[in-house]
Amino acid sequence: MRLKAVPQLAVPALSQRVSDGSTKVRELAVEALGNYGKAAQSAVPMLLGCLTETNKTLRGLAAWALVQVDLRAARESPLVAPALTENLQHETWWLPKFCGEALKLINSDEAPEARVK
């Protein structure tokens, strides 16, 4: 059985890693939650909490993940757009891309597609 094929098992496990993992583990877990899209709905409160973290990368990933999981909650949070914007110049090639795409979704009528099928 592949874990990513079973969100009801993966989402709680990933959420726990966000709460008690190392910095890199937390970042990877938040990114993975975003890839589950709406199936990670139970992680929304935790993702919102990550928006106040001191780690800029984690804030950006949490904002991106929130857009993927619950676009309405992302639009309603005053912390999402700033977290995405501050990561548009991130040193990685992928985080600015994720954040730019998420900012476009916040300002459009499009709904994000879940990346994990």
Protein backbone atom coordinates (compact mmCIF):
# COMPACT_ATOMS: atom_id res chain seq x y z
CA MET A 1 0.00 0.00 0.00
CA ARG A 2 1.36 3.43 -0.94
CA LEU A 3 0.96 6.00 1.83
CA LYS A 4 0.22 8.86 -0.56
CA ALA A 5 -2.72 6.90 -1.91
CA VAL A 6 -4.32 6.85 1.55
CA PRO A 7 -4.81 10.45 2.73
CA GLN A 8 -6.71 9.39 5.86
CA LEU A 9 -3.46 7.78 7.05
CA ALA A 10 -0.96 10.22 5.58
CA VAL A 11 -2.53 13.55 6.59
CA PRO A 12 -2.52 12.87 10.37
CA ALA A 13 1.03 11.48 10.17
CA LEU A 14 2.25 14.51 8.20
CA SER A 15 0.46 16.89 10.56
CA GLN A 16 2.28 15.30 13.48
CA ARG A 17 5.62 15.79 11.71
CA VAL A 18 4.82 19.49 11.31
CA SER A 19 4.28 19.74 15.04
CA ASP A 20 7.38 17.94 16.27
CA GLY A 21 9.87 17.50 13.46
CA SER A 22 13.12 19.21 12.61
CA THR A 23 12.98 22.31 10.41
CA LYS A 24 13.50 20.36 7.17
CA VAL A 25 11.04 17.63 8.19
CA ARG A 26 8.44 20.28 9.04
CA GLU A 27 8.92 21.98 5.65
CA LEU A 28 8.64 18.69 3.75
CA ALA A 29 5.53 17.68 5.72
CA VAL A 30 3.80 21.00 5.00
CA GLU A 31 4.64 20.69 1.30
CA ALA A 32 3.29 17.13 1.25
CA LEU A 33 0.06 18.25 2.93
CA GLY A 34 -0.43 20.82 0.17
CA ASN A 35 -0.03 18.07 -2.40
CA TYR A 36 -3.05 16.30 -0.89
CA GLY A 37 -5.30 19.25 -1.69
CA LYS A 38 -8.79 19.07 -0.20
CA ALA A 39 -8.02 15.65 1.31
CA ALA A 40 -5.84 17.50 3.86
CA GLN A 41 -8.72 19.67 5.12
CA SER A 42 -8.12 18.53 8.70
CA ALA A 43 -4.68 20.20 8.55
CA VAL A 44 -6.07 23.71 7.89
CA PRO A 45 -5.81 24.92 11.53
CA MET A 46 -2.22 23.68 11.71
CA LEU A 47 -1.36 25.33 8.37
CA LEU A 48 -2.86 28.60 9.59
CA GLY A 49 -0.73 28.31 12.71
CA CYS A 50 2.41 27.89 10.59
CA LEU A 51 1.81 31.32 9.06
CA THR A 52 3.10 32.92 12.27
CA GLU A 53 6.33 30.88 12.41
CA THR A 54 9.68 32.66 12.33
CA ASN A 55 10.90 30.34 9.52
CA LYS A 56 10.21 32.22 6.28
CA THR A 57 10.32 29.07 4.15
CA LEU A 58 7.84 27.29 6.39
CA ARG A 59 5.50 30.30 6.24
CA GLY A 60 5.67 30.29 2.44
CA LEU A 61 5.06 26.57 2.18
CA ALA A 62 2.18 26.76 4.65
CA ALA A 63 0.58 29.58 2.67
CA TRP A 64 1.00 27.62 -0.58
CA ALA A 65 -0.39 24.47 1.04
CA LEU A 66 -3.35 26.38 2.44
CA VAL A 67 -4.21 27.63 -1.06
CA GLN A 68 -4.15 24.01 -2.28
CA VAL A 69 -6.19 22.64 0.63
CA ASP A 70 -8.73 25.39 1.33
CA LEU A 71 -8.69 28.34 -1.03
CA ARG A 72 -11.42 30.16 0.88
CA ALA A 73 -9.48 29.96 4.16
CA ALA A 74 -6.37 31.15 2.32
CA ARG A 75 -8.23 34.13 0.91
CA GLU A 76 -9.65 35.00 4.33
CA SER A 77 -6.31 34.93 6.16
CA PRO A 78 -4.44 38.25 6.17
CA LEU A 79 -1.16 36.31 6.58
CA VAL A 80 -1.26 34.23 3.39
CA ALA A 81 -0.48 36.84 0.73
CA PRO A 82 2.46 38.33 2.70
CA ALA A 83 3.92 34.85 3.32
CA LEU A 84 3.68 34.06 -0.39
CA THR A 85 5.05 37.43 -1.46
CA GLU A 86 8.08 37.28 0.82
CA ASN A 87 9.06 33.96 -0.78
CA LEU A 88 8.90 35.15 -4.39
CA GLN A 89 12.65 35.82 -4.17
CA HIS A 90 13.49 32.63 -2.24
CA GLU A 91 16.85 31.04 -3.08
CA THR A 92 15.29 27.80 -4.34
CA TRP A 93 13.91 27.56 -7.87
CA TRP A 94 10.65 25.92 -6.83
CA LEU A 95 9.32 27.95 -3.89
CA PRO A 96 9.01 31.21 -5.85
CA LYS A 97 7.15 29.26 -8.54
CA PHE A 98 4.76 27.69 -5.98
CA CYS A 99 4.18 31.05 -4.29
CA GLY A 100 3.58 32.87 -7.58
CA GLU A 101 1.04 30.27 -8.68
CA ALA A 102 -0.70 30.46 -5.29
CA LEU A 103 -0.91 34.26 -5.45
CA LYS A 104 -2.58 33.97 -8.85
CA LEU A 105 -5.12 31.50 -7.44
CA ILE A 106 -5.94 33.79 -4.52
CA ASN A 107 -6.80 36.52 -7.01
CA SER A 108 -8.76 34.38 -9.48
CA ASP A 109 -11.82 32.18 -9.65
CA GLU A 110 -9.74 29.06 -10.38
CA ALA A 111 -9.63 26.16 -7.97
CA PRO A 112 -6.34 24.35 -7.40
CA GLU A 113 -5.98 20.75 -8.51
CA ALA A 114 -4.68 18.27 -5.95
CA ARG A 115 -1.23 17.07 -6.98
CA VAL A 116 -1.58 13.65 -5.32
CA LYS A 117 -4.01 11.37 -7.07
